Protein backbone atom coordinates (compact mmCIF):
# COMPACT_ATOMS: atom_id res chain seq x y z
CA MET A 1 19.20 88.90 66.37
CA PRO A 2 22.71 90.66 67.17
CA ASP A 3 25.93 88.53 66.19
CA SER A 4 26.89 86.39 68.99
CA LYS A 5 29.65 85.20 67.52
CA PRO A 6 32.75 85.57 70.28
CA LYS A 7 35.57 88.04 69.20
CA ILE A 8 39.19 87.06 69.10
CA TYR A 9 41.69 89.97 70.33
CA VAL A 10 44.87 90.07 68.59
CA LYS A 11 47.38 92.08 70.15
CA ASP A 12 49.41 94.14 67.65
CA GLU A 13 53.25 93.65 68.60
CA SER A 14 54.59 95.67 65.80
CA PHE A 15 55.43 98.52 68.39
CA ASP A 16 56.38 96.28 71.32
CA PRO A 17 60.45 95.71 71.83
CA ILE A 18 59.80 92.92 73.95
CA TYR A 19 57.56 90.81 71.91
CA LYS A 20 59.50 91.80 68.80
CA SER A 21 60.98 88.36 66.77
CA VAL A 22 64.62 90.37 66.91
CA ASN A 23 65.02 93.38 68.84
CA LEU A 24 69.01 94.00 68.37
CA PRO A 25 68.90 96.87 71.36
CA PHE A 26 67.42 94.82 73.59
CA LEU A 27 69.78 91.85 72.38
CA PHE A 28 72.97 93.80 72.55
CA ARG A 29 72.01 95.16 76.37
CA THR A 30 71.33 91.81 77.75
CA ARG A 31 73.59 89.46 75.89
CA ILE A 32 76.18 90.96 73.71
CA LEU A 33 77.22 93.55 76.10
CA SER A 34 77.07 91.50 79.20
CA GLY A 35 78.87 88.85 77.53
CA GLY A 36 81.35 91.02 76.24
CA LEU A 37 82.14 92.79 79.67
CA MET A 38 82.45 89.33 81.17
CA ALA A 39 84.93 88.10 78.80
CA LEU A 40 86.80 91.26 78.86
CA GLY A 41 87.18 90.44 82.75
CA PHE A 42 88.27 87.28 82.26
CA LEU A 43 90.91 88.64 80.00
CA VAL A 44 91.98 90.97 82.20
CA LEU A 45 92.25 88.36 85.02
CA GLY A 46 94.25 86.08 82.94
CA THR A 47 96.84 88.50 81.72
CA GLN A 48 97.10 90.86 84.65
CA VAL A 49 96.78 88.35 87.21
CA ALA A 50 96.92 84.65 86.61
CA LEU A 51 99.99 84.48 83.89
CA PRO A 52 101.79 86.93 85.65
CA LEU A 53 101.58 84.77 88.82
CA ILE A 54 102.69 81.78 87.21
CA SER A 55 105.64 83.59 85.56
CA PHE A 56 106.52 85.14 89.16
CA LYS A 57 106.74 81.68 90.70
CA THR A 58 108.30 79.80 88.12
CA GLN A 59 110.62 81.83 86.25
CA ASN A 60 114.25 83.02 87.33
CA GLU A 61 114.17 85.89 84.96
CA VAL A 62 110.88 87.59 84.55
CA ALA A 63 110.20 89.97 81.09
CA LYS A 64 109.46 93.55 81.46
CA PRO A 65 106.04 93.31 80.19
CA MET A 66 105.02 91.14 83.26
CA GLU A 67 106.73 93.23 85.73
CA SER A 68 104.27 95.93 84.32
CA THR A 69 101.26 93.92 84.81
CA ILE A 70 98.71 94.86 87.58
CA LEU A 71 100.08 91.91 90.10
CA GLY A 72 103.68 93.04 88.89
CA LEU A 73 103.05 96.52 90.05
CA ALA A 74 101.37 95.57 93.12
CA SER A 75 103.77 93.32 94.19
CA GLY A 76 106.88 95.08 93.80
CA PHE A 77 107.97 93.75 90.39
CA ARG A 78 109.41 96.89 88.60
CA ASP A 79 112.22 98.89 87.58
CA TYR A 80 113.58 101.03 90.58
CA SER A 81 116.88 102.05 92.41
CA PHE A 82 118.22 102.41 95.76
CA PRO A 83 117.92 106.47 95.48
CA GLU A 84 120.31 106.36 98.52
CA ILE A 85 123.03 104.03 97.30
CA LYS A 86 125.37 106.82 95.75
CA THR A 87 127.65 106.12 92.89
CA ASN A 88 131.32 106.01 94.72
CA THR A 89 134.26 105.95 92.77
CA ALA A 90 136.72 105.42 95.49
CA ASP A 91 138.09 101.99 96.34
CA ILE A 92 139.61 101.27 99.63
CA SER A 93 140.78 97.74 98.54
CA ASN A 94 144.36 97.12 98.26
CA GLU A 95 143.99 93.63 96.93
CA GLN A 96 145.40 93.05 93.52
CA ASN A 97 143.14 89.96 92.62
CA VAL A 98 139.90 91.54 92.52
CA PRO A 99 137.43 88.94 90.58
CA GLU A 100 134.32 90.39 88.68
CA TYR A 101 131.80 88.77 91.04
CA PHE A 102 132.02 86.78 94.12
CA TYR A 103 128.92 84.36 95.31
CA ILE A 104 126.75 84.09 98.58
CA SER A 105 124.70 81.19 99.81
CA ILE A 106 122.08 81.33 102.94
CA PRO A 107 121.04 78.06 103.42
CA LYS A 108 118.15 79.05 105.83
CA LEU A 109 116.76 81.10 102.61
CA LYS A 110 117.70 78.19 100.19
CA ILE A 111 119.75 80.71 98.44
CA GLU A 112 122.88 78.55 96.85
CA ASN A 113 125.59 80.45 94.93
CA THR A 114 124.14 83.69 94.07
CA LYS A 115 126.36 86.06 91.78
CA VAL A 116 127.18 89.12 93.58
CA LYS A 117 128.95 91.70 91.65
CA THR A 118 132.27 93.17 92.87
CA ASN A 119 132.39 97.01 93.40
CA PHE A 120 129.22 97.58 91.98
CA ASP A 121 128.85 101.17 91.39
CA GLY A 122 125.22 101.52 90.27
CA SER A 123 122.01 101.64 92.46
CA SER A 124 120.08 99.06 90.99
CA PRO A 125 121.48 95.49 90.82
CA ASP A 126 120.00 93.46 87.66
CA GLY A 127 120.94 90.03 87.10
CA PHE A 128 123.27 90.12 90.08
CA ILE A 129 123.45 91.37 93.85
CA GLY A 130 125.44 94.47 94.37
CA HIS A 131 128.64 94.80 96.65
CA TYR A 132 129.09 98.40 97.05
CA LYS A 133 131.87 99.80 95.70
CA GLY A 134 134.29 101.34 98.27
CA SER A 135 133.37 99.05 101.22
CA SER A 136 135.74 96.42 102.26
CA LEU A 137 135.84 93.06 99.86
CA PRO A 138 134.80 89.51 101.92
CA GLY A 139 137.25 88.48 104.32
CA GLN A 140 139.20 91.61 104.86
CA SER A 141 138.78 93.84 107.91
CA GLY A 142 135.89 96.15 107.65
CA ASN A 143 132.28 96.05 106.76
CA SER A 144 131.21 94.45 103.23
CA TYR A 145 127.90 96.27 102.09
CA ILE A 146 125.66 94.04 99.67
CA PHE A 147 122.34 94.95 98.55
CA GLY A 148 119.58 93.30 96.22
CA HIS A 149 115.90 93.34 95.14
CA SER A 150 112.74 92.00 97.00
CA VAL A 151 109.09 91.91 96.17
CA LEU A 152 106.07 90.28 98.34
CA PRO A 153 107.25 87.39 99.95
CA TRP A 154 104.83 85.15 98.26
CA PHE A 155 106.69 85.27 94.83
CA PHE A 156 110.17 84.74 96.64
CA ASN A 157 112.29 82.74 94.19
CA PRO A 158 116.06 82.13 95.28
CA LYS A 159 117.09 82.27 91.94
CA ASN A 160 115.15 85.54 90.78
CA TYR A 161 117.18 88.45 91.58
CA LYS A 162 114.10 90.49 91.53
CA THR A 163 113.10 88.47 94.50
CA ILE A 164 116.25 87.07 96.00
CA PHE A 165 116.06 89.15 99.29
CA SER A 166 112.25 89.04 99.88
CA THR A 167 112.70 86.64 102.87
CA LEU A 168 115.67 88.47 104.29
CA GLY A 169 113.93 89.34 107.22
CA ASP A 170 113.30 85.77 108.40
CA LEU A 171 117.53 85.63 109.16
CA LYS A 172 117.85 85.53 112.78
CA GLN A 173 121.06 85.81 115.40
CA GLY A 174 123.28 82.62 114.57
CA ASP A 175 121.96 81.77 111.43
CA GLU A 176 124.57 81.08 108.67
CA ILE A 177 125.75 82.92 105.58
CA TYR A 178 128.43 81.51 103.20
CA ILE A 179 130.65 83.69 100.91
CA THR A 180 132.81 82.29 98.17
CA TYR A 181 135.53 84.84 96.92
CA ASN A 182 138.36 83.93 95.04
CA ASN A 183 137.46 80.17 95.57
CA LYS A 184 137.66 80.94 99.25
CA ARG A 185 134.64 79.86 101.40
CA LEU A 186 134.26 82.17 104.08
CA LYS A 187 131.20 81.40 106.97
CA TYR A 188 129.29 84.65 108.47
CA ILE A 189 126.98 84.37 111.40
CA VAL A 190 124.10 86.71 111.65
CA ASP A 191 124.40 88.78 114.72
CA ASN A 192 121.48 91.39 114.45
CA GLN A 193 119.08 93.07 111.78
CA VAL A 194 117.81 96.88 111.80
CA VAL A 195 115.42 98.88 109.90
CA LEU A 196 116.22 102.19 108.66
CA LYS A 197 114.96 104.94 106.99
CA PRO A 198 116.56 105.30 103.24
CA GLU A 199 118.19 108.52 104.22
CA LYS A 200 119.99 106.99 107.12
CA VAL A 201 121.85 104.25 105.17
CA LYS A 202 125.36 104.57 105.29
CA PRO A 203 127.09 101.82 103.39
CA LEU A 204 130.83 102.93 104.24
CA GLU A 205 129.74 103.39 107.58
CA PRO A 206 131.05 100.17 109.82
CA TRP A 207 128.94 98.88 112.52
CA LYS A 208 131.56 97.33 114.55
CA PRO A 209 134.17 99.38 116.08
CA LYS A 210 137.25 99.32 113.72
CA TYR A 211 139.53 98.95 116.66
CA LEU A 212 138.31 95.32 116.88
CA ASN A 213 139.77 94.70 113.13
CA GLU A 214 136.75 92.15 112.35
CA SER A 215 135.40 91.25 108.91
CA THR A 216 131.74 91.66 108.74
CA ILE A 217 129.10 92.10 106.29
CA THR A 218 125.77 94.02 105.72
CA LEU A 219 122.91 92.61 103.70
CA MET A 220 120.45 95.49 102.75
CA THR A 221 117.14 95.19 100.83
CA CYS A 222 113.79 97.36 100.66
CA TRP A 223 111.50 96.63 103.75
CA PRO A 224 108.63 95.66 103.93
CA ALA A 225 109.22 93.62 100.95
CA GLY A 226 107.60 94.55 98.15
CA THR A 227 107.48 98.41 99.20
CA LYS A 228 109.94 101.04 99.37
CA ALA A 229 109.16 102.84 102.66
CA GLU A 230 112.05 101.54 104.60
CA ARG A 231 115.40 99.65 103.93
CA LEU A 232 116.23 95.98 106.29
CA GLU A 233 119.92 95.28 106.93
CA VAL A 234 121.01 92.03 108.06
CA ARG A 235 124.57 92.20 109.70
CA ALA A 236 126.52 89.07 110.09
CA ILE A 237 130.21 88.49 111.42
CA LEU A 238 133.12 86.44 110.13
CA GLU A 239 133.40 83.44 112.26
CA ASN A 240 137.00 82.56 112.71
């Protein structure tokens, strides 16, 4: 009589990578590698975007490493100069008591007593706004040319000199600009604004006829804010 006892089939799992109790290559691909890539993504997001964003919005001075992050480069935080601002050794001023700095306030932009270096002969003001050497001094007849940096407007901080002119385009005709020069407070009224190609910028060229004998200022920055394509000039006239 044949053996009627049922046979039990036992699968040989010795060569099956799925059913092995521990399969290191499979575990690496599905767990360790994917988890590592996710952790790397969070690290990049934190160090290159989130942390710089907090730094740009809250700090008046941003460290160089922060400026070099992905967000910093995309936003306009970087070392750059105004190549059209040529070094000028001339000084047309006859004034004897010329201070090293004077101060500018723009109520509409919440800029208050911001430092401007008088007769700045560089092309990249850092830690202050630059007054172009050879242009008129505040209160004098002629045009005083003042320039500073800008980044994307979302990162505007009125106390950070890398962002100080980011919202300059918000100024309209009739807005007020105050300059404190040698303890004298001067009130300027915005007259107009223009956008120029960098090669069209002429810091020593007055925008009002000389025979009018008026005192004017020009505030200049890169435009659109955060880019270097063009230059914005905001022009204002001293109120008598």
